[in-house]
C-alpha atoms as a PDB file:
ATOM      1  CA  MET A   1       0.000   0.000   0.000  1.00  0.00           C
ATOM      2  CA  SER A   2       1.422   3.363  -1.002  1.00  0.00           C
ATOM      3  CA  ARG A   3       0.718   6.971  -0.107  1.00  0.00           C
ATOM      4  CA  THR A   4      -0.619   9.024  -3.008  1.00  0.00           C
ATOM      5  CA  THR A   5      -2.908  11.904  -3.921  1.00  0.00           C
ATOM      6  CA  TYR A   6      -6.260  12.182  -5.674  1.00  0.00           C
ATOM      7  CA  ARG A   7      -4.442  13.805  -8.623  1.00  0.00           C
ATOM      8  CA  ASP A   8      -2.031  10.869  -8.864  1.00  0.00           C
ATOM      9  CA  ALA A   9      -4.925   8.403  -8.563  1.00  0.00           C
ATOM     10  CA  LEU A  10      -6.596  10.047 -11.570  1.00  0.00           C
ATOM     11  CA  ARG A  11      -3.328   9.761 -13.496  1.00  0.00           C
ATOM     12  CA  GLN A  12      -3.005   6.093 -12.563  1.00  0.00           C
ATOM     13  CA  GLY A  13      -6.495   5.471 -13.914  1.00  0.00           C
ATOM     14  CA  LEU A  14      -5.694   7.266 -17.155  1.00  0.00           C
ATOM     15  CA  ARG A  15      -2.421   5.397 -17.607  1.00  0.00           C
ATOM     16  CA  ALA A  16      -4.080   2.041 -16.936  1.00  0.00           C
ATOM     17  CA  ALA A  17      -6.834   2.826 -19.444  1.00  0.00           C
ATOM     18  CA  LEU A  18      -4.367   3.821 -22.154  1.00  0.00           C
ATOM     19  CA  ARG A  19      -2.230   0.743 -21.545  1.00  0.00           C
ATOM     20  CA  SER A  20      -5.095  -1.736 -21.455  1.00  0.00           C
ATOM     21  CA  ASP A  21      -6.944  -0.795 -24.646  1.00  0.00           C
ATOM     22  CA  PRO A  22      -5.441   0.589 -27.867  1.00  0.00           C
ATOM     23  CA  ARG A  23      -8.811   2.164 -28.701  1.00  0.00           C
ATOM     24  CA  VAL A  24      -8.519   4.549 -25.740  1.00  0.00           C
ATOM     25  CA  PHE A  25      -7.116   8.026 -26.265  1.00  0.00           C
ATOM     26  CA  LEU A  26      -7.152  11.277 -24.275  1.00  0.00           C
ATOM     27  CA  MET A  27      -7.982  14.640 -25.816  1.00  0.00           C
ATOM     28  CA  GLY A  28      -8.609  18.147 -24.501  1.00  0.00           C
ATOM     29  CA  GLU A  29      -7.139  21.554 -23.826  1.00  0.00           C
ATOM     30  CA  ASP A  30      -3.520  21.373 -22.627  1.00  0.00           C
ATOM     31  CA  VAL A  31      -3.662  17.651 -21.805  1.00  0.00           C
ATOM     32  CA  GLY A  32      -0.424  16.951 -23.704  1.00  0.00           C
ATOM     33  CA  ARG A  33       2.628  19.193 -23.588  1.00  0.00           C
ATOM     34  CA  TYR A  34       1.372  21.196 -20.619  1.00  0.00           C
ATOM     35  CA  GLY A  35       0.445  18.065 -18.673  1.00  0.00           C
ATOM     36  CA  GLY A  36      -3.149  19.046 -18.058  1.00  0.00           C
ATOM     37  CA  SER A  37      -4.714  22.117 -16.488  1.00  0.00           C
ATOM     38  CA  TYR A  38      -4.560  20.345 -13.105  1.00  0.00           C
ATOM     39  CA  ALA A  39      -1.344  18.383 -13.864  1.00  0.00           C
ATOM     40  CA  VAL A  40      -3.330  15.146 -14.050  1.00  0.00           C
ATOM     41  CA  SER A  41      -1.947  14.029 -17.423  1.00  0.00           C
ATOM     42  CA  GLN A  42       1.715  14.887 -16.796  1.00  0.00           C
ATOM     43  CA  GLY A  43       4.014  12.399 -18.507  1.00  0.00           C
ATOM     44  CA  LEU A  44       1.315  10.706 -20.574  1.00  0.00           C
ATOM     45  CA  LEU A  45       2.247  12.418 -23.853  1.00  0.00           C
ATOM     46  CA  GLU A  46       5.847  11.223 -23.508  1.00  0.00           C
ATOM     47  CA  GLU A  47       4.683   7.700 -22.682  1.00  0.00           C
ATOM     48  CA  PHE A  48       1.923   7.233 -25.262  1.00  0.00           C
ATOM     49  CA  GLY A  49       2.634   9.762 -28.005  1.00  0.00           C
ATOM     50  CA  GLU A  50       0.574  12.365 -29.832  1.00  0.00           C
ATOM     51  CA  ALA A  51      -1.848   9.854 -31.372  1.00  0.00           C
ATOM     52  CA  ARG A  52      -3.060   8.817 -27.920  1.00  0.00           C
ATOM     53  CA  VAL A  53      -2.744  12.121 -26.007  1.00  0.00           C
ATOM     54  CA  ARG A  54      -4.067  14.950 -28.162  1.00  0.00           C
ATOM     55  CA  ASP A  55      -4.009  18.669 -27.459  1.00  0.00           C
ATOM     56  CA  THR A  56      -7.030  20.455 -28.912  1.00  0.00           C
ATOM     57  CA  PRO A  57      -7.962  24.030 -29.792  1.00  0.00           C
ATOM     58  CA  LEU A  58      -9.981  26.048 -27.282  1.00  0.00           C
ATOM     59  CA  SER A  59     -13.279  24.868 -28.707  1.00  0.00           C
ATOM     60  CA  GLU A  60     -15.282  22.697 -26.334  1.00  0.00           C
ATOM     61  CA  SER A  61     -18.085  22.111 -28.809  1.00  0.00           C
ATOM     62  CA  GLY A  62     -15.528  21.118 -31.447  1.00  0.00           C
ATOM     63  CA  PHE A  63     -13.446  18.623 -29.506  1.00  0.00           C
ATOM     64  CA  VAL A  64     -16.370  17.095 -27.605  1.00  0.00           C
ATOM     65  CA  GLY A  65     -18.056  16.627 -30.987  1.00  0.00           C
ATOM     66  CA  CYS A  66     -14.894  14.945 -32.274  1.00  0.00           C
ATOM     67  CA  GLY A  67     -14.982  12.651 -29.257  1.00  0.00           C
ATOM     68  CA  ILE A  68     -18.584  11.685 -30.007  1.00  0.00           C
ATOM     69  CA  GLY A  69     -17.681  10.895 -33.604  1.00  0.00           C
ATOM     70  CA  ALA A  70     -14.691   8.810 -32.523  1.00  0.00           C
ATOM     71  CA  ALA A  71     -16.840   6.874 -30.050  1.00  0.00           C
ATOM     72  CA  ILE A  72     -19.484   6.127 -32.676  1.00  0.00           C
ATOM     73  CA  ASN A  73     -16.754   4.760 -34.927  1.00  0.00           C
ATOM     74  CA  GLY A  74     -15.367   2.284 -32.421  1.00  0.00           C
ATOM     75  CA  LEU A  75     -12.793   4.188 -30.375  1.00  0.00           C
ATOM     76  CA  ARG A  76     -12.909   4.873 -26.618  1.00  0.00           C
ATOM     77  CA  PRO A  77     -12.193   8.597 -26.245  1.00  0.00           C
ATOM     78  CA  ILE A  78     -11.593  10.294 -22.914  1.00  0.00           C
ATOM     79  CA  VAL A  79     -12.358  13.988 -23.343  1.00  0.00           C
ATOM     80  CA  GLU A  80     -11.122  16.433 -20.702  1.00  0.00           C
ATOM     81  CA  VAL A  81     -12.998  19.719 -20.269  1.00  0.00           C
ATOM     82  CA  MET A  82     -11.101  22.147 -18.072  1.00  0.00           C
ATOM     83  CA  THR A  83     -14.053  23.150 -15.899  1.00  0.00           C
ATOM     84  CA  VAL A  84     -17.773  22.471 -15.779  1.00  0.00           C
ATOM     85  CA  ASN A  85     -18.485  26.112 -16.547  1.00  0.00           C
ATOM     86  CA  PHE A  86     -16.742  25.740 -19.924  1.00  0.00           C
ATOM     87  CA  SER A  87     -18.638  22.523 -20.634  1.00  0.00           C
ATOM     88  CA  LEU A  88     -21.695  24.665 -21.302  1.00  0.00           C
ATOM     89  CA  LEU A  89     -20.085  25.505 -24.640  1.00  0.00           C
ATOM     90  CA  ALA A  90     -20.422  21.789 -25.472  1.00  0.00           C
ATOM     91  CA  LEU A  91     -23.880  21.315 -23.980  1.00  0.00           C
ATOM     92  CA  ASP A  92     -25.478  20.865 -27.386  1.00  0.00           C
ATOM     93  CA  GLN A  93     -23.047  18.081 -28.274  1.00  0.00           C
ATOM     94  CA  ILE A  94     -23.470  16.307 -24.916  1.00  0.00           C
ATOM     95  CA  VAL A  95     -27.236  16.636 -24.444  1.00  0.00           C
ATOM     96  CA  ASN A  96     -28.543  16.674 -28.035  1.00  0.00           C
ATOM     97  CA  ASN A  97     -26.068  14.194 -29.546  1.00  0.00           C
ATOM     98  CA  ALA A  98     -24.172  11.986 -27.092  1.00  0.00           C
ATOM     99  CA  ALA A  99     -27.150  11.409 -24.799  1.00  0.00           C
ATOM    100  CA  THR A 100     -29.714  10.789 -27.538  1.00  0.00           C
ATOM    101  CA  LEU A 101     -28.075   8.731 -30.288  1.00  0.00           C
ATOM    102  CA  ARG A 102     -28.603   5.283 -28.754  1.00  0.00           C
ATOM    103  CA  HIS A 103     -32.303   6.015 -28.260  1.00  0.00           C
ATOM    104  CA  MET A 104     -32.795   7.662 -31.635  1.00  0.00           C
ATOM    105  CA  SER A 105     -31.056   4.803 -33.475  1.00  0.00           C
ATOM    106  CA  GLY A 106     -33.078   2.102 -31.757  1.00  0.00           C
ATOM    107  CA  GLY A 107     -29.984   0.868 -29.939  1.00  0.00           C
ATOM    108  CA  GLN A 108     -27.862   0.570 -33.072  1.00  0.00           C
ATOM    109  CA  VAL A 109     -25.439   3.409 -32.229  1.00  0.00           C
ATOM    110  CA  GLY A 110     -23.640   3.515 -28.914  1.00  0.00           C
ATOM    111  CA  VAL A 111     -21.529   6.432 -27.740  1.00  0.00           C
ATOM    112  CA  PRO A 112     -18.851   4.978 -25.414  1.00  0.00           C
ATOM    113  CA  LEU A 113     -17.460   8.390 -24.552  1.00  0.00           C
ATOM    114  CA  VAL A 114     -16.069   9.555 -21.204  1.00  0.00           C
ATOM    115  CA  VAL A 115     -16.038  13.301 -20.514  1.00  0.00           C
ATOM    116  CA  ARG A 116     -13.958  14.335 -17.494  1.00  0.00           C
ATOM    117  CA  MET A 117     -14.322  17.816 -16.082  1.00  0.00           C
ATOM    118  CA  GLY A 118     -13.248  19.816 -13.071  1.00  0.00           C
ATOM    119  CA  THR A 119     -15.989  21.132 -10.815  1.00  0.00           C
ATOM    120  CA  GLY A 120     -16.486  23.070  -7.631  1.00  0.00           C
ATOM    121  CA  ALA A 121     -15.271  26.167  -5.835  1.00  0.00           C
ATOM    122  CA  GLY A 122     -12.903  27.012  -3.002  1.00  0.00           C
ATOM    123  CA  ARG A 123      -9.883  28.174  -5.030  1.00  0.00           C
ATOM    124  CA  GLN A 124     -10.754  31.849  -5.616  1.00  0.00           C
ATOM    125  CA  LEU A 125     -11.354  31.392  -9.339  1.00  0.00           C
ATOM    126  CA  ALA A 126     -14.570  33.425  -9.344  1.00  0.00           C
ATOM    127  CA  ALA A 127     -17.892  32.720 -10.978  1.00  0.00           C
ATOM    128  CA  GLN A 128     -16.787  31.507 -14.412  1.00  0.00           C
ATOM    129  CA  HIS A 129     -14.591  28.678 -13.045  1.00  0.00           C
ATOM    130  CA  SER A 130     -16.213  27.594  -9.799  1.00  0.00           C
ATOM    131  CA  HIS A 131     -19.744  26.302 -10.104  1.00  0.00           C
ATOM    132  CA  SER A 132     -21.114  22.833  -9.402  1.00  0.00           C
ATOM    133  CA  LEU A 133     -23.458  21.950 -12.247  1.00  0.00           C
ATOM    134  CA  GLU A 134     -23.559  18.173 -11.765  1.00  0.00           C
ATOM    135  CA  GLY A 135     -27.326  18.330 -11.307  1.00  0.00           C
ATOM    136  CA  TRP A 136     -27.759  19.772 -14.798  1.00  0.00           C
ATOM    137  CA  TYR A 137     -26.200  16.685 -16.344  1.00  0.00           C
ATOM    138  CA  ALA A 138     -27.856  14.281 -13.906  1.00  0.00           C
ATOM    139  CA  HIS A 139     -31.177  15.570 -15.274  1.00  0.00           C
ATOM    140  CA  VAL A 140     -30.503  14.123 -18.749  1.00  0.00           C
ATOM    141  CA  PRO A 141     -31.581  10.589 -19.763  1.00  0.00           C
ATOM    142  CA  GLY A 142     -28.924   8.790 -21.779  1.00  0.00           C
ATOM    143  CA  LEU A 143     -26.017  10.010 -19.657  1.00  0.00           C
ATOM    144  CA  ARG A 144     -24.234   8.347 -16.758  1.00  0.00           C
ATOM    145  CA  VAL A 145     -22.954  10.870 -14.206  1.00  0.00           C
ATOM    146  CA  LEU A 146     -20.220  10.013 -11.697  1.00  0.00           C
ATOM    147  CA  ALA A 147     -18.609  11.964  -8.846  1.00  0.00           C
ATOM    148  CA  PRO A 148     -15.479  10.271  -7.460  1.00  0.00           C
ATOM    149  CA  ALA A 149     -14.779  11.528  -3.947  1.00  0.00           C
ATOM    150  CA  THR A 150     -12.094   9.056  -2.837  1.00  0.00           C
ATOM    151  CA  LEU A 151      -8.735   8.006  -4.214  1.00  0.00           C
ATOM    152  CA  GLU A 152     -10.031   4.534  -5.075  1.00  0.00           C
ATOM    153  CA  ASP A 153     -12.943   5.975  -7.049  1.00  0.00           C
ATOM    154  CA  ALA A 154     -10.713   8.570  -8.712  1.00  0.00           C
ATOM    155  CA  ARG A 155      -8.542   5.751 -10.024  1.00  0.00           C
ATOM    156  CA  GLY A 156     -11.169   3.113 -10.782  1.00  0.00           C
ATOM    157  CA  MET A 157     -14.276   4.940 -11.993  1.00  0.00           C
ATOM    158  CA  LEU A 158     -12.666   5.835 -15.321  1.00  0.00           C
ATOM    159  CA  LEU A 159     -11.820   2.195 -16.020  1.00  0.00           C
ATOM    160  CA  ALA A 160     -15.380   1.141 -15.224  1.00  0.00           C
ATOM    161  CA  ALA A 161     -16.850   3.981 -17.294  1.00  0.00           C
ATOM    162  CA  LEU A 162     -14.876   2.935 -20.369  1.00  0.00           C
ATOM    163  CA  GLN A 163     -16.611  -0.444 -20.292  1.00  0.00           C
ATOM    164  CA  LEU A 164     -20.032   1.148 -20.845  1.00  0.00           C
ATOM    165  CA  ALA A 165     -21.675   1.736 -24.205  1.00  0.00           C
ATOM    166  CA  ASP A 166     -23.228   5.028 -23.098  1.00  0.00           C
ATOM    167  CA  PRO A 167     -21.630   8.444 -22.535  1.00  0.00           C
ATOM    168  CA  VAL A 168     -20.331   9.030 -19.028  1.00  0.00           C
ATOM    169  CA  ILE A 169     -19.660  12.395 -17.390  1.00  0.00           C
ATOM    170  CA  VAL A 170     -17.085  12.280 -14.581  1.00  0.00           C
ATOM    171  CA  PHE A 171     -16.948  15.259 -12.208  1.00  0.00           C
ATOM    172  CA  GLU A 172     -13.612  15.700 -10.429  1.00  0.00           C
ATOM    173  CA  HIS A 173     -13.740  18.311  -7.682  1.00  0.00           C
ATOM    174  CA  ALA A 174     -10.676  20.527  -7.911  1.00  0.00           C
ATOM    175  CA  LEU A 175     -10.305  20.840  -4.124  1.00  0.00           C
ATOM    176  CA  LEU A 176      -9.793  17.081  -3.878  1.00  0.00           C
ATOM    177  CA  LEU A 177      -6.730  17.047  -6.138  1.00  0.00           C
ATOM    178  CA  ASN A 178      -4.220  17.366  -3.293  1.00  0.00           C
ATOM    179  CA  GLU A 179      -6.079  15.041  -0.896  1.00  0.00           C
ATOM    180  CA  GLU A 180      -3.746  12.269   0.264  1.00  0.00           C
ATOM    181  CA  GLY A 181      -4.411   8.670   1.190  1.00  0.00           C
ATOM    182  CA  GLU A 182      -3.411   5.048   0.761  1.00  0.00           C
ATOM    183  CA  LEU A 183      -3.987   3.016  -2.398  1.00  0.00           C
ATOM    184  CA  ASP A 184      -3.332  -0.682  -2.711  1.00  0.00           C
ATOM    185  CA  GLY A 185      -2.866  -2.944  -5.710  1.00  0.00           C
ATOM    186  CA  GLU A 186      -3.167  -2.194  -9.394  1.00  0.00           C
ATOM    187  CA  PRO A 187      -5.849   0.056 -10.940  1.00  0.00           C
ATOM    188  CA  ALA A 188      -9.121  -1.803 -11.481  1.00  0.00           C
ATOM    189  CA  PRO A 189     -12.722  -0.900 -12.304  1.00  0.00           C
ATOM    190  CA  VAL A 190     -14.904  -0.079  -9.302  1.00  0.00           C
ATOM    191  CA  ASP A 191     -18.608  -0.588  -8.666  1.00  0.00           C
ATOM    192  CA  LEU A 192     -20.661   2.143 -10.346  1.00  0.00           C
ATOM    193  CA  GLN A 193     -24.031   0.935  -9.084  1.00  0.00           C
ATOM    194  CA  HIS A 194     -23.989   1.593  -5.366  1.00  0.00           C
ATOM    195  CA  ALA A 195     -23.526   4.475  -2.974  1.00  0.00           C
ATOM    196  CA  ALA A 196     -20.987   3.907  -0.195  1.00  0.00           C
ATOM    197  CA  VAL A 197     -21.336   4.409   3.548  1.00  0.00           C
ATOM    198  CA  ARG A 198     -18.101   6.236   4.382  1.00  0.00           C
ATOM    199  CA  ARG A 199     -18.939   6.432   8.085  1.00  0.00           C
ATOM    200  CA  PRO A 200     -21.659   4.452   9.889  1.00  0.00           C
ATOM    201  CA  GLY A 201     -24.035   6.177  12.291  1.00  0.00           C
ATOM    202  CA  ARG A 202     -27.406   5.907  13.982  1.00  0.00           C
ATOM    203  CA  ASP A 203     -28.738   9.433  14.582  1.00  0.00           C
ATOM    204  CA  ILE A 204     -28.720  11.220  11.206  1.00  0.00           C
ATOM    205  CA  SER A 205     -27.567  10.580   7.623  1.00  0.00           C
ATOM    206  CA  LEU A 206     -25.385  13.119   5.838  1.00  0.00           C
ATOM    207  CA  VAL A 207     -25.921  12.442   2.116  1.00  0.00           C
ATOM    208  CA  THR A 208     -23.372  13.991  -0.213  1.00  0.00           C
ATOM    209  CA  HIS A 209     -20.971  13.526  -3.127  1.00  0.00           C
ATOM    210  CA  GLY A 210     -17.668  14.728  -4.531  1.00  0.00           C
ATOM    211  CA  GLY A 211     -15.919  17.637  -2.852  1.00  0.00           C
ATOM    212  CA  SER A 212     -18.458  17.841  -0.024  1.00  0.00           C
ATOM    213  CA  LEU A 213     -17.514  14.406   1.327  1.00  0.00           C
ATOM    214  CA  PRO A 214     -14.511  15.644   3.381  1.00  0.00           C
ATOM    215  CA  ARG A 215     -16.703  18.378   4.890  1.00  0.00           C
ATOM    216  CA  CYS A 216     -19.337  15.840   5.886  1.00  0.00           C
ATOM    217  CA  LEU A 217     -16.745  13.519   7.410  1.00  0.00           C
ATOM    218  CA  ALA A 218     -15.295  16.431   9.385  1.00  0.00           C
ATOM    219  CA  ALA A 219     -18.807  17.442  10.494  1.00  0.00           C
ATOM    220  CA  ALA A 220     -19.478  13.867  11.603  1.00  0.00           C
ATOM    221  CA  GLU A 221     -16.349  14.003  13.763  1.00  0.00           C
ATOM    222  CA  ARG A 222     -17.562  17.183  15.455  1.00  0.00           C
ATOM    223  CA  LEU A 223     -21.028  15.741  15.928  1.00  0.00           C
ATOM    224  CA  ALA A 224     -19.560  12.609  17.511  1.00  0.00           C
ATOM    225  CA  ALA A 225     -17.810  14.783  20.069  1.00  0.00           C
ATOM    226  CA  ASP A 226     -21.254  16.141  20.918  1.00  0.00           C
ATOM    227  CA  GLY A 227     -22.763  12.686  21.267  1.00  0.00           C
ATOM    228  CA  VAL A 228     -24.417  12.533  17.812  1.00  0.00           C
ATOM    229  CA  GLU A 229     -23.476   9.626  15.540  1.00  0.00           C
ATOM    230  CA  ALA A 230     -23.843  10.731  11.927  1.00  0.00           C
ATOM    231  CA  GLU A 231     -23.784   8.310   9.026  1.00  0.00           C
ATOM    232  CA  VAL A 232     -22.078   9.678   5.903  1.00  0.00           C
ATOM    233  CA  LEU A 233     -23.373   8.369   2.560  1.00  0.00           C
ATOM    234  CA  ASP A 234     -21.270   9.073  -0.542  1.00  0.00           C
ATOM    235  CA  LEU A 235     -23.605   8.892  -3.552  1.00  0.00           C
ATOM    236  CA  ARG A 236     -20.763   8.222  -6.052  1.00  0.00           C
ATOM    237  CA  SER A 237     -23.199   7.935  -8.981  1.00  0.00           C
ATOM    238  CA  LEU A 238     -25.546  10.864  -9.587  1.00  0.00           C
ATOM    239  CA  ARG A 239     -27.296   9.280 -12.549  1.00  0.00           C
ATOM    240  CA  PRO A 240     -28.531   6.735 -11.894  1.00  0.00           C
ATOM    241  CA  LEU A 241     -28.924   7.337  -8.169  1.00  0.00           C
ATOM    242  CA  ASP A 242     -28.675   4.406  -5.800  1.00  0.00           C
ATOM    243  CA  LEU A 243     -32.197   4.872  -4.450  1.00  0.00           C
ATOM    244  CA  ALA A 244     -32.082   1.607  -2.515  1.00  0.00           C
ATOM    245  CA  GLY A 245     -28.952   2.769  -0.711  1.00  0.00           C
ATOM    246  CA  LEU A 246     -30.593   6.114   0.004  1.00  0.00           C
ATOM    247  CA  ALA A 247     -33.655   4.414   1.493  1.00  0.00           C
ATOM    248  CA  ASP A 248     -31.451   2.079   3.552  1.00  0.00           C
ATOM    249  CA  THR A 249     -29.609   4.925   5.262  1.00  0.00           C
ATOM    250  CA  VAL A 250     -32.962   6.550   6.130  1.00  0.00           C
ATOM    251  CA  ARG A 251     -34.117   3.308   7.754  1.00  0.00           C
ATOM    252  CA  ARG A 252     -30.969   3.214   9.864  1.00  0.00           C
ATOM    253  CA  THR A 253     -30.950   6.808  11.116  1.00  0.00           C
ATOM    254  CA  HIS A 254     -34.480   8.221  10.464  1.00  0.00           C
ATOM    255  CA  ARG A 255     -33.093  11.668   9.641  1.00  0.00           C
ATOM    256  CA  VAL A 256     -31.535  12.951   6.408  1.00  0.00           C
ATOM    257  CA  LEU A 257     -29.431  16.019   5.722  1.00  0.00           C
ATOM    258  CA  VAL A 258     -28.343  16.506   2.098  1.00  0.00           C
ATOM    259  CA  VAL A 259     -25.112  18.459   1.580  1.00  0.00           C
ATOM    260  CA  ASP A 260     -24.662  19.746  -1.967  1.00  0.00           C
ATOM    261  CA  GLU A 261     -22.282  22.432  -3.213  1.00  0.00           C
ATOM    262  CA  ALA A 262     -24.728  23.357  -5.971  1.00  0.00           C
ATOM    263  CA  TRP A 263     -27.493  25.916  -5.557  1.00  0.00           C
ATOM    264  CA  LYS A 264     -30.626  24.858  -3.742  1.00  0.00           C
ATOM    265  CA  THR A 265     -33.251  25.980  -6.263  1.00  0.00           C
ATOM    266  CA  GLY A 266     -34.047  23.214  -8.754  1.00  0.00           C
ATOM    267  CA  GLY A 267     -31.004  21.250  -7.639  1.00  0.00           C
ATOM    268  CA  LEU A 268     -29.965  17.665  -7.050  1.00  0.00           C
ATOM    269  CA  SER A 269     -30.573  18.169  -3.334  1.00  0.00           C
ATOM    270  CA  ALA A 270     -34.284  18.649  -4.043  1.00  0.00           C
ATOM    271  CA  GLU A 271     -34.376  15.411  -6.056  1.00  0.00           C
ATOM    272  CA  LEU A 272     -32.745  13.532  -3.197  1.00  0.00           C
ATOM    273  CA  MET A 273     -35.160  14.925  -0.627  1.00  0.00           C
ATOM    274  CA  ALA A 274     -38.134  14.069  -2.841  1.00  0.00           C
ATOM    275  CA  SER A 275     -36.795  10.541  -3.286  1.00  0.00           C
ATOM    276  CA  VAL A 276     -36.475  10.137   0.476  1.00  0.00           C
ATOM    277  CA  VAL A 277     -40.080  11.212   0.949  1.00  0.00           C
ATOM    278  CA  GLU A 278     -41.308   8.911  -1.820  1.00  0.00           C
ATOM    279  CA  LEU A 279     -39.342   5.875  -0.678  1.00  0.00           C
ATOM    280  CA  ALA A 280     -39.134   6.093   3.097  1.00  0.00           C
ATOM    281  CA  PHE A 281     -41.531   8.737   4.397  1.00  0.00           C
ATOM    282  CA  ASP A 282     -42.747   6.562   7.281  1.00  0.00           C
ATOM    283  CA  GLU A 283     -39.176   6.072   8.482  1.00  0.00           C
ATOM    284  CA  LEU A 284     -38.548   9.788   9.018  1.00  0.00           C
ATOM    285  CA  ASP A 285     -38.456  11.270  12.503  1.00  0.00           C
ATOM    286  CA  ALA A 286     -37.808  14.781  11.129  1.00  0.00           C
ATOM    287  CA  PRO A 287     -38.320  16.538   7.801  1.00  0.00           C
ATOM    288  CA  PRO A 288     -35.366  16.130   5.388  1.00  0.00           C
ATOM    289  CA  ALA A 289     -33.136  19.182   5.179  1.00  0.00           C
ATOM    290  CA  ARG A 290     -30.247  20.432   3.062  1.00  0.00           C
ATOM    291  CA  VAL A 291     -27.161  22.603   3.164  1.00  0.00           C
ATOM    292  CA  CYS A 292     -26.271  24.131  -0.214  1.00  0.00           C
ATOM    293  CA  SER A 293     -24.301  27.034  -1.634  1.00  0.00           C
ATOM    294  CA  ALA A 294     -25.685  30.553  -1.435  1.00  0.00           C
ATOM    295  CA  GLU A 295     -27.860  31.554  -4.395  1.00  0.00           C
ATOM    296  CA  VAL A 296     -25.245  33.851  -5.936  1.00  0.00           C
ATOM    297  CA  PRO A 297     -22.596  33.578  -8.631  1.00  0.00           C
ATOM    298  CA  MET A 298     -19.539  32.303  -6.770  1.00  0.00           C
ATOM    299  CA  PRO A 299     -17.611  35.271  -5.312  1.00  0.00           C
ATOM    300  CA  TYR A 300     -13.910  35.800  -5.896  1.00  0.00           C
ATOM    301  CA  ALA A 301     -13.023  37.251  -2.486  1.00  0.00           C
ATOM    302  CA  LYS A 302     -11.926  34.461  -0.137  1.00  0.00           C
ATOM    303  CA  LEU A 303     -14.151  35.466   2.781  1.00  0.00           C
ATOM    304  CA  LEU A 304     -17.190  35.738   0.525  1.00  0.00           C
ATOM    305  CA  GLU A 305     -16.416  32.460  -1.243  1.00  0.00           C
ATOM    306  CA  ASP A 306     -16.116  30.652   2.092  1.00  0.00           C
ATOM    307  CA  ALA A 307     -19.371  32.201   3.260  1.00  0.00           C
ATOM    308  CA  ALA A 308     -21.181  31.093   0.103  1.00  0.00           C
ATOM    309  CA  LEU A 309     -20.126  27.441   0.301  1.00  0.00           C
ATOM    310  CA  PRO A 310     -21.427  24.675   2.566  1.00  0.00           C
ATOM    311  CA  ASN A 311     -19.022  24.357   5.483  1.00  0.00           C
ATOM    312  CA  VAL A 312     -18.559  22.147   8.508  1.00  0.00           C
ATOM    313  CA  GLN A 313     -20.111  24.676  10.888  1.00  0.00           C
ATOM    314  CA  ARG A 314     -23.318  24.954   8.837  1.00  0.00           C
ATOM    315  CA  ILE A 315     -23.580  21.183   8.485  1.00  0.00           C
ATOM    316  CA  VAL A 316     -23.120  20.625  12.211  1.00  0.00           C
ATOM    317  CA  ALA A 317     -25.612  23.338  13.149  1.00  0.00           C
ATOM    318  CA  GLN A 318     -28.294  21.964  10.820  1.00  0.00           C
ATOM    319  CA  ALA A 319     -27.725  18.390  11.981  1.00  0.00           C
ATOM    320  CA  LEU A 320     -27.991  19.360  15.649  1.00  0.00           C
ATOM    321  CA  ALA A 321     -31.201  21.290  14.950  1.00  0.00           C
ATOM    322  CA  MET A 322     -32.683  18.115  13.448  1.00  0.00           C
ATOM    323  CA  VAL A 323     -31.521  15.712  16.146  1.00  0.00           C
ATOM    324  CA  ARG A 324     -32.183  18.043  19.092  1.00  0.00           C
ATOM    325  CA  PRO A 325     -34.960  20.411  18.007  1.00  0.00           C
END
């Protein structure tokens, strides 16, 4: 078992994918000579060459469209979009083409495409580089949407995604890149079907994904010091959701707090709360609640950015209000 970072785990997954299947190639802005906007693809150009690691122009619609075409024709492209905000320039390609072609062709045309993109705030990159729009993509039939929050998922979700015949969007929270931990063995595909209990508990469930997982685990530690045992559920897959796993955690704790870095209005947090009510209403001892980002474009100033985001203090305060009203 070796000590590594989330960034290195992503690189291990990419390297394993490129080595294991000659149909796989990586393309995107600065993924080659620069080594990736987040240094995830450093060294891959030298190892695999320009045919397998391709720098593209600054045209998200163009290179995502190229990835869709390559996937239709039998390749396994991994397309990197620098940040979810910029992916909106490729929304037509992803939603109107990648997500629909299998359905519109009666199952004859698959699009085995993986689109990786950075998401989330906390780095003072202001509103055009910092939003969490995972819920927008999770709304779309025909897409699979993943949010790796641990080193194991960062390494293994890509390998599992490349085995699917449908397009997969992988959201990698930029604040996780320097997170450190232990990884054992060789890269291997991980389970994409089930949410994971990252910390067991009996009093309240903190349901979250991606970059909010460390905050929820830290909040659970604080709550434990106050005599409240919080269970932390990492969703891992945002489309499809593991609704059985969501209902199970409600049955164990009877209270649910959803923590989502996205905005509250029309967001994934609302879908999760509605699912809890539909599936396990009689198990609830308190109304479901949520902690989300403030309903503003993400501020640049550090104090304002911190105030806008879900934080440990807000999570703890809301959980205590639910357990001890």
